[in-house]
Amino acid sequence: MKRNAQVFISLSILTILLSDLSKTLLNTNHLIISSIAEQLSNVQIKEVLNLQKKWEWLNYIFIPITIFLKISIIAAILDIGCFFFSKQIKYKRLFNIVVKAEFIFLLVIVFKTAWFYFFQTDYTLEDLQSFYPLSVLNIIGSQGLEAWFIYPFQVLNLFEVAYWFILAYFIGKEINDTTEKGLSIVASSYGVGLLIWIVGVMFLTLNMS
């Protein structure tokens, strides 16, 4: 359990540091101001910035909580998958496996920051929001694409593929079986859960647009 806590804390700290570095390098606050400048007065913009600065510390609580909830849910889903395949892995071991796999998504922040800092230096807030490195969305582009299609095309990316294989490798190792067997467990549990989540997000986006 202590090992799980150490790895989780490391993941949370790295996520916070990389996120803050990305915001600073990409000057996200300036982009936010530019996007709301036409709707708000200078006084209102100043109030928004002061409010944002006042509650900025909440990010340092919100990020670890979000990561913890995500990992807990995925570990529980994988636990169900193991049950259906008649394989037993302790929940704390599954939690540890998911935490390790989550490190792959730190590269998303790195790649995204590097892309806009070194290559696409002329960008908008919308560009940052829709961009997901090594995803299908970046291949087909978001121009002319229905809003409810953006998220699923973002999820279809090489980092997600790597995530599946990392989970599969560690699960296969834990049950003394092959990565292929682990991938079957991942696909039938996490894969189904992810599909339901994507459909849910698409439905909400469609109804809000």
C-alpha atoms as a PDB file:
ATOM      1  CA  MET A   1       0.000   0.000   0.000  1.00  0.00           C
ATOM      2  CA  LYS A   2       2.885   2.345   0.806  1.00  0.00           C
ATOM      3  CA  ARG A   3       4.370   1.654  -2.632  1.00  0.00           C
ATOM      4  CA  ASN A   4       1.033   2.481  -4.276  1.00  0.00           C
ATOM      5  CA  ALA A   5       0.885   5.783  -2.393  1.00  0.00           C
ATOM      6  CA  GLN A   6       4.430   6.749  -3.420  1.00  0.00           C
ATOM      7  CA  VAL A   7       3.813   6.038  -7.103  1.00  0.00           C
ATOM      8  CA  PHE A   8       0.449   7.836  -7.010  1.00  0.00           C
ATOM      9  CA  ILE A   9       1.968  10.910  -5.334  1.00  0.00           C
ATOM     10  CA  SER A  10       4.761  10.953  -7.929  1.00  0.00           C
ATOM     11  CA  LEU A  11       2.192  10.802 -10.735  1.00  0.00           C
ATOM     12  CA  SER A  12       0.141  13.616  -9.201  1.00  0.00           C
ATOM     13  CA  ILE A  13       3.142  15.881  -8.632  1.00  0.00           C
ATOM     14  CA  LEU A  14       4.459  15.343 -12.166  1.00  0.00           C
ATOM     15  CA  THR A  15       1.007  16.040 -13.622  1.00  0.00           C
ATOM     16  CA  ILE A  16       0.720  19.299 -11.664  1.00  0.00           C
ATOM     17  CA  LEU A  17       4.257  20.430 -12.547  1.00  0.00           C
ATOM     18  CA  LEU A  18       3.913  19.628 -16.251  1.00  0.00           C
ATOM     19  CA  SER A  19       0.464  21.237 -16.415  1.00  0.00           C
ATOM     20  CA  ASP A  20       1.743  24.426 -14.777  1.00  0.00           C
ATOM     21  CA  LEU A  21       4.795  24.492 -17.049  1.00  0.00           C
ATOM     22  CA  SER A  22       2.569  24.019 -20.088  1.00  0.00           C
ATOM     23  CA  LYS A  23       0.259  26.876 -19.028  1.00  0.00           C
ATOM     24  CA  THR A  24       3.258  29.155 -18.534  1.00  0.00           C
ATOM     25  CA  LEU A  25       5.051  28.301 -21.788  1.00  0.00           C
ATOM     26  CA  LEU A  26       1.879  28.466 -23.891  1.00  0.00           C
ATOM     27  CA  ASN A  27       0.618  31.599 -22.109  1.00  0.00           C
ATOM     28  CA  THR A  28      -2.821  30.082 -21.586  1.00  0.00           C
ATOM     29  CA  ASN A  29      -4.069  32.965 -19.422  1.00  0.00           C
ATOM     30  CA  HIS A  30      -3.467  35.420 -22.269  1.00  0.00           C
ATOM     31  CA  LEU A  31      -5.452  33.197 -24.635  1.00  0.00           C
ATOM     32  CA  ILE A  32      -8.339  33.042 -22.160  1.00  0.00           C
ATOM     33  CA  ILE A  33      -8.359  36.841 -21.875  1.00  0.00           C
ATOM     34  CA  SER A  34      -8.342  37.170 -25.669  1.00  0.00           C
ATOM     35  CA  SER A  35     -11.277  34.777 -25.998  1.00  0.00           C
ATOM     36  CA  ILE A  36     -13.466  36.692 -23.517  1.00  0.00           C
ATOM     37  CA  ALA A  37     -12.253  40.220 -24.321  1.00  0.00           C
ATOM     38  CA  GLU A  38     -15.152  40.963 -26.665  1.00  0.00           C
ATOM     39  CA  GLN A  39     -17.829  39.851 -24.183  1.00  0.00           C
ATOM     40  CA  LEU A  40     -16.454  41.508 -21.026  1.00  0.00           C
ATOM     41  CA  SER A  41     -15.210  44.957 -20.027  1.00  0.00           C
ATOM     42  CA  ASN A  42     -11.678  45.566 -18.736  1.00  0.00           C
ATOM     43  CA  VAL A  43     -12.998  45.725 -15.171  1.00  0.00           C
ATOM     44  CA  GLN A  44     -14.824  42.418 -15.587  1.00  0.00           C
ATOM     45  CA  ILE A  45     -11.747  40.780 -17.119  1.00  0.00           C
ATOM     46  CA  LYS A  46      -9.675  41.981 -14.169  1.00  0.00           C
ATOM     47  CA  GLU A  47     -12.248  40.504 -11.778  1.00  0.00           C
ATOM     48  CA  VAL A  48     -12.134  37.164 -13.622  1.00  0.00           C
ATOM     49  CA  LEU A  49      -8.326  37.088 -13.426  1.00  0.00           C
ATOM     50  CA  ASN A  50      -8.343  37.962  -9.725  1.00  0.00           C
ATOM     51  CA  LEU A  51     -10.914  35.253  -9.059  1.00  0.00           C
ATOM     52  CA  GLN A  52      -8.850  32.753 -11.047  1.00  0.00           C
ATOM     53  CA  LYS A  53      -5.714  33.662  -9.110  1.00  0.00           C
ATOM     54  CA  LYS A  54      -7.569  33.465  -5.789  1.00  0.00           C
ATOM     55  CA  TRP A  55      -8.801  29.920  -6.411  1.00  0.00           C
ATOM     56  CA  GLU A  56      -5.761  28.682  -8.334  1.00  0.00           C
ATOM     57  CA  TRP A  57      -4.682  26.565  -5.366  1.00  0.00           C
ATOM     58  CA  LEU A  58      -7.763  24.373  -5.889  1.00  0.00           C
ATOM     59  CA  ASN A  59      -6.036  22.876  -8.946  1.00  0.00           C
ATOM     60  CA  TYR A  60      -3.464  21.289  -6.639  1.00  0.00           C
ATOM     61  CA  ILE A  61      -6.314  19.473  -4.886  1.00  0.00           C
ATOM     62  CA  PHE A  62      -8.557  18.879  -7.888  1.00  0.00           C
ATOM     63  CA  ILE A  63      -5.872  17.188 -10.041  1.00  0.00           C
ATOM     64  CA  PRO A  64      -4.910  14.455  -7.508  1.00  0.00           C
ATOM     65  CA  ILE A  65      -8.599  13.820  -6.699  1.00  0.00           C
ATOM     66  CA  THR A  66      -9.450  13.477 -10.392  1.00  0.00           C
ATOM     67  CA  ILE A  67      -6.521  11.126 -11.000  1.00  0.00           C
ATOM     68  CA  PHE A  68      -7.420   9.056  -7.932  1.00  0.00           C
ATOM     69  CA  LEU A  69     -11.060   8.692  -9.009  1.00  0.00           C
ATOM     70  CA  LYS A  70     -10.065   7.723 -12.546  1.00  0.00           C
ATOM     71  CA  ILE A  71      -7.556   5.113 -11.361  1.00  0.00           C
ATOM     72  CA  SER A  72      -9.970   3.714  -8.754  1.00  0.00           C
ATOM     73  CA  ILE A  73     -12.766   3.310 -11.313  1.00  0.00           C
ATOM     74  CA  ILE A  74     -10.517   1.711 -13.946  1.00  0.00           C
ATOM     75  CA  ALA A  75      -9.013  -0.665 -11.366  1.00  0.00           C
ATOM     76  CA  ALA A  76     -12.540  -1.673 -10.305  1.00  0.00           C
ATOM     77  CA  ILE A  77     -13.548  -2.270 -13.935  1.00  0.00           C
ATOM     78  CA  LEU A  78     -10.443  -4.394 -14.523  1.00  0.00           C
ATOM     79  CA  ASP A  79     -11.273  -6.311 -11.351  1.00  0.00           C
ATOM     80  CA  ILE A  80     -14.641  -7.201 -12.876  1.00  0.00           C
ATOM     81  CA  GLY A  81     -12.855  -8.266 -16.072  1.00  0.00           C
ATOM     82  CA  CYS A  82     -10.532 -10.548 -14.112  1.00  0.00           C
ATOM     83  CA  PHE A  83     -13.547 -12.074 -12.369  1.00  0.00           C
ATOM     84  CA  PHE A  84     -15.225 -12.983 -15.664  1.00  0.00           C
ATOM     85  CA  PHE A  85     -11.987 -14.596 -16.854  1.00  0.00           C
ATOM     86  CA  SER A  86     -11.728 -16.503 -13.554  1.00  0.00           C
ATOM     87  CA  LYS A  87      -8.490 -14.697 -12.677  1.00  0.00           C
ATOM     88  CA  GLN A  88      -7.798 -13.232  -9.268  1.00  0.00           C
ATOM     89  CA  ILE A  89      -5.722 -10.120  -8.734  1.00  0.00           C
ATOM     90  CA  LYS A  90      -5.926  -8.122  -5.521  1.00  0.00           C
ATOM     91  CA  TYR A  91      -7.499  -4.703  -6.006  1.00  0.00           C
ATOM     92  CA  LYS A  92      -4.425  -2.913  -4.624  1.00  0.00           C
ATOM     93  CA  ARG A  93      -2.306  -4.681  -7.256  1.00  0.00           C
ATOM     94  CA  LEU A  94      -4.703  -3.575  -9.998  1.00  0.00           C
ATOM     95  CA  PHE A  95      -4.590  -0.045  -8.588  1.00  0.00           C
ATOM     96  CA  ASN A  96      -0.797  -0.139  -8.785  1.00  0.00           C
ATOM     97  CA  ILE A  97      -0.921  -1.415 -12.381  1.00  0.00           C
ATOM     98  CA  VAL A  98      -3.261   1.392 -13.447  1.00  0.00           C
ATOM     99  CA  VAL A  99      -1.115   4.025 -11.705  1.00  0.00           C
ATOM    100  CA  LYS A 100       1.954   2.813 -13.617  1.00  0.00           C
ATOM    101  CA  ALA A 101       0.055   2.848 -16.905  1.00  0.00           C
ATOM    102  CA  GLU A 102      -1.186   6.404 -16.267  1.00  0.00           C
ATOM    103  CA  PHE A 103       2.361   7.743 -16.581  1.00  0.00           C
ATOM    104  CA  ILE A 104       2.055   7.341 -20.364  1.00  0.00           C
ATOM    105  CA  PHE A 105      -0.409  10.235 -20.439  1.00  0.00           C
ATOM    106  CA  LEU A 106       2.219  12.610 -19.048  1.00  0.00           C
ATOM    107  CA  LEU A 107       3.747  12.424 -22.507  1.00  0.00           C
ATOM    108  CA  VAL A 108       0.552  13.937 -23.897  1.00  0.00           C
ATOM    109  CA  ILE A 109       1.252  17.149 -21.958  1.00  0.00           C
ATOM    110  CA  VAL A 110       4.903  17.115 -23.088  1.00  0.00           C
ATOM    111  CA  PHE A 111       4.088  16.504 -26.769  1.00  0.00           C
ATOM    112  CA  LYS A 112       1.285  19.073 -26.785  1.00  0.00           C
ATOM    113  CA  THR A 113       3.421  21.746 -25.142  1.00  0.00           C
ATOM    114  CA  ALA A 114       6.372  21.050 -27.453  1.00  0.00           C
ATOM    115  CA  TRP A 115       4.155  21.180 -30.555  1.00  0.00           C
ATOM    116  CA  PHE A 116       2.698  24.617 -29.848  1.00  0.00           C
ATOM    117  CA  TYR A 117       5.911  26.037 -28.366  1.00  0.00           C
ATOM    118  CA  PHE A 118       8.263  24.994 -31.178  1.00  0.00           C
ATOM    119  CA  PHE A 119       6.126  24.300 -34.258  1.00  0.00           C
ATOM    120  CA  GLN A 120       2.602  25.767 -34.340  1.00  0.00           C
ATOM    121  CA  THR A 121       3.523  28.996 -32.577  1.00  0.00           C
ATOM    122  CA  ASP A 122       0.483  30.898 -33.874  1.00  0.00           C
ATOM    123  CA  TYR A 123      -2.469  29.296 -32.108  1.00  0.00           C
ATOM    124  CA  THR A 124      -5.764  30.067 -30.390  1.00  0.00           C
ATOM    125  CA  LEU A 125      -7.454  28.727 -27.260  1.00  0.00           C
ATOM    126  CA  GLU A 126      -9.636  26.571 -29.513  1.00  0.00           C
ATOM    127  CA  ASP A 127      -6.510  25.074 -31.110  1.00  0.00           C
ATOM    128  CA  LEU A 128      -5.214  24.064 -27.678  1.00  0.00           C
ATOM    129  CA  GLN A 129      -8.543  22.581 -26.633  1.00  0.00           C
ATOM    130  CA  SER A 130      -9.043  20.469 -29.763  1.00  0.00           C
ATOM    131  CA  PHE A 131      -5.429  19.338 -30.228  1.00  0.00           C
ATOM    132  CA  TYR A 132      -4.482  15.861 -29.029  1.00  0.00           C
ATOM    133  CA  PRO A 133      -1.049  14.580 -30.138  1.00  0.00           C
ATOM    134  CA  LEU A 134      -0.865  11.433 -32.272  1.00  0.00           C
ATOM    135  CA  SER A 135      -4.657  11.161 -32.499  1.00  0.00           C
ATOM    136  CA  VAL A 136      -7.039  10.522 -35.383  1.00  0.00           C
ATOM    137  CA  LEU A 137      -8.434  14.039 -34.877  1.00  0.00           C
ATOM    138  CA  ASN A 138      -5.069  15.554 -35.807  1.00  0.00           C
ATOM    139  CA  ILE A 139      -5.029  13.512 -39.001  1.00  0.00           C
ATOM    140  CA  ILE A 140      -8.514  14.444 -40.229  1.00  0.00           C
ATOM    141  CA  GLY A 141      -8.638  17.884 -38.578  1.00  0.00           C
ATOM    142  CA  SER A 142     -11.468  19.457 -36.602  1.00  0.00           C
ATOM    143  CA  GLN A 143     -12.552  21.867 -39.331  1.00  0.00           C
ATOM    144  CA  GLY A 144     -16.117  21.115 -40.398  1.00  0.00           C
ATOM    145  CA  LEU A 145     -16.343  18.251 -37.915  1.00  0.00           C
ATOM    146  CA  GLU A 146     -19.449  17.999 -35.755  1.00  0.00           C
ATOM    147  CA  ALA A 147     -18.668  18.914 -32.126  1.00  0.00           C
ATOM    148  CA  TRP A 148     -19.871  15.557 -30.814  1.00  0.00           C
ATOM    149  CA  PHE A 149     -17.332  13.721 -32.999  1.00  0.00           C
ATOM    150  CA  ILE A 150     -14.296  15.588 -31.631  1.00  0.00           C
ATOM    151  CA  TYR A 151     -13.924  13.679 -28.351  1.00  0.00           C
ATOM    152  CA  PRO A 152     -14.039  10.129 -29.803  1.00  0.00           C
ATOM    153  CA  PHE A 153     -11.470  11.086 -32.438  1.00  0.00           C
ATOM    154  CA  GLN A 154      -9.263  12.503 -29.668  1.00  0.00           C
ATOM    155  CA  VAL A 155      -9.520   9.244 -27.712  1.00  0.00           C
ATOM    156  CA  LEU A 156      -8.347   7.288 -30.768  1.00  0.00           C
ATOM    157  CA  ASN A 157      -4.654   7.990 -30.285  1.00  0.00           C
ATOM    158  CA  LEU A 158      -1.352   6.133 -29.918  1.00  0.00           C
ATOM    159  CA  PHE A 159      -1.060   6.987 -26.221  1.00  0.00           C
ATOM    160  CA  GLU A 160      -4.350   5.209 -25.553  1.00  0.00           C
ATOM    161  CA  VAL A 161      -3.100   2.195 -27.525  1.00  0.00           C
ATOM    162  CA  ALA A 162       0.112   2.172 -25.465  1.00  0.00           C
ATOM    163  CA  TYR A 163      -2.018   2.462 -22.299  1.00  0.00           C
ATOM    164  CA  TRP A 164      -3.933  -0.684 -23.241  1.00  0.00           C
ATOM    165  CA  PHE A 165      -0.751  -2.647 -23.863  1.00  0.00           C
ATOM    166  CA  ILE A 166       0.878  -1.488 -20.617  1.00  0.00           C
ATOM    167  CA  LEU A 167      -2.202  -2.609 -18.686  1.00  0.00           C
ATOM    168  CA  ALA A 168      -2.243  -5.879 -20.618  1.00  0.00           C
ATOM    169  CA  TYR A 169       1.455  -6.540 -19.973  1.00  0.00           C
ATOM    170  CA  PHE A 170       1.253  -6.037 -16.214  1.00  0.00           C
ATOM    171  CA  ILE A 171      -2.021  -7.954 -15.888  1.00  0.00           C
ATOM    172  CA  GLY A 172      -0.597 -10.846 -17.918  1.00  0.00           C
ATOM    173  CA  LYS A 173       2.477 -10.816 -15.709  1.00  0.00           C
ATOM    174  CA  GLU A 174       0.357 -10.725 -12.549  1.00  0.00           C
ATOM    175  CA  ILE A 175      -1.709 -13.777 -13.559  1.00  0.00           C
ATOM    176  CA  ASN A 176       1.356 -15.637 -14.889  1.00  0.00           C
ATOM    177  CA  ASP A 177      -0.025 -15.588 -18.406  1.00  0.00           C
ATOM    178  CA  THR A 178       0.654 -13.837 -21.705  1.00  0.00           C
ATOM    179  CA  THR A 179       0.181 -10.192 -22.621  1.00  0.00           C
ATOM    180  CA  GLU A 180      -2.397 -11.419 -25.135  1.00  0.00           C
ATOM    181  CA  LYS A 181      -4.465 -12.843 -22.278  1.00  0.00           C
ATOM    182  CA  GLY A 182      -4.060  -9.586 -20.394  1.00  0.00           C
ATOM    183  CA  LEU A 183      -5.214  -7.691 -23.486  1.00  0.00           C
ATOM    184  CA  SER A 184      -8.361  -9.836 -23.621  1.00  0.00           C
ATOM    185  CA  ILE A 185      -9.146  -8.854 -20.035  1.00  0.00           C
ATOM    186  CA  VAL A 186      -8.439  -5.180 -20.730  1.00  0.00           C
ATOM    187  CA  ALA A 187     -10.530  -5.117 -23.920  1.00  0.00           C
ATOM    188  CA  SER A 188     -13.528  -6.884 -22.376  1.00  0.00           C
ATOM    189  CA  SER A 189     -13.591  -4.683 -19.271  1.00  0.00           C
ATOM    190  CA  TYR A 190     -11.813  -1.343 -19.690  1.00  0.00           C
ATOM    191  CA  GLY A 191     -12.540  -1.340 -23.430  1.00  0.00           C
ATOM    192  CA  VAL A 192     -16.280  -1.728 -22.871  1.00  0.00           C
ATOM    193  CA  GLY A 193     -16.233   0.878 -20.106  1.00  0.00           C
ATOM    194  CA  LEU A 194     -14.355   3.329 -22.344  1.00  0.00           C
ATOM    195  CA  LEU A 195     -16.846   2.793 -25.158  1.00  0.00           C
ATOM    196  CA  ILE A 196     -19.772   3.514 -22.829  1.00  0.00           C
ATOM    197  CA  TRP A 197     -17.989   6.642 -21.571  1.00  0.00           C
ATOM    198  CA  ILE A 198     -17.347   7.891 -25.133  1.00  0.00           C
ATOM    199  CA  VAL A 199     -20.983   7.325 -26.126  1.00  0.00           C
ATOM    200  CA  GLY A 200     -22.080   9.195 -22.981  1.00  0.00           C
ATOM    201  CA  VAL A 201     -19.828  12.181 -23.755  1.00  0.00           C
ATOM    202  CA  MET A 202     -21.050  12.227 -27.375  1.00  0.00           C
ATOM    203  CA  PHE A 203     -24.663  12.179 -26.195  1.00  0.00           C
ATOM    204  CA  LEU A 204     -24.104  15.070 -23.753  1.00  0.00           C
ATOM    205  CA  THR A 205     -22.192  17.091 -26.360  1.00  0.00           C
ATOM    206  CA  LEU A 206     -24.946  16.529 -28.918  1.00  0.00           C
ATOM    207  CA  ASN A 207     -27.629  17.677 -26.486  1.00  0.00           C
ATOM    208  CA  MET A 208     -25.653  20.744 -25.395  1.00  0.00           C
ATOM    209  CA  SER A 209     -24.788  21.902 -28.905  1.00  0.00           C
END
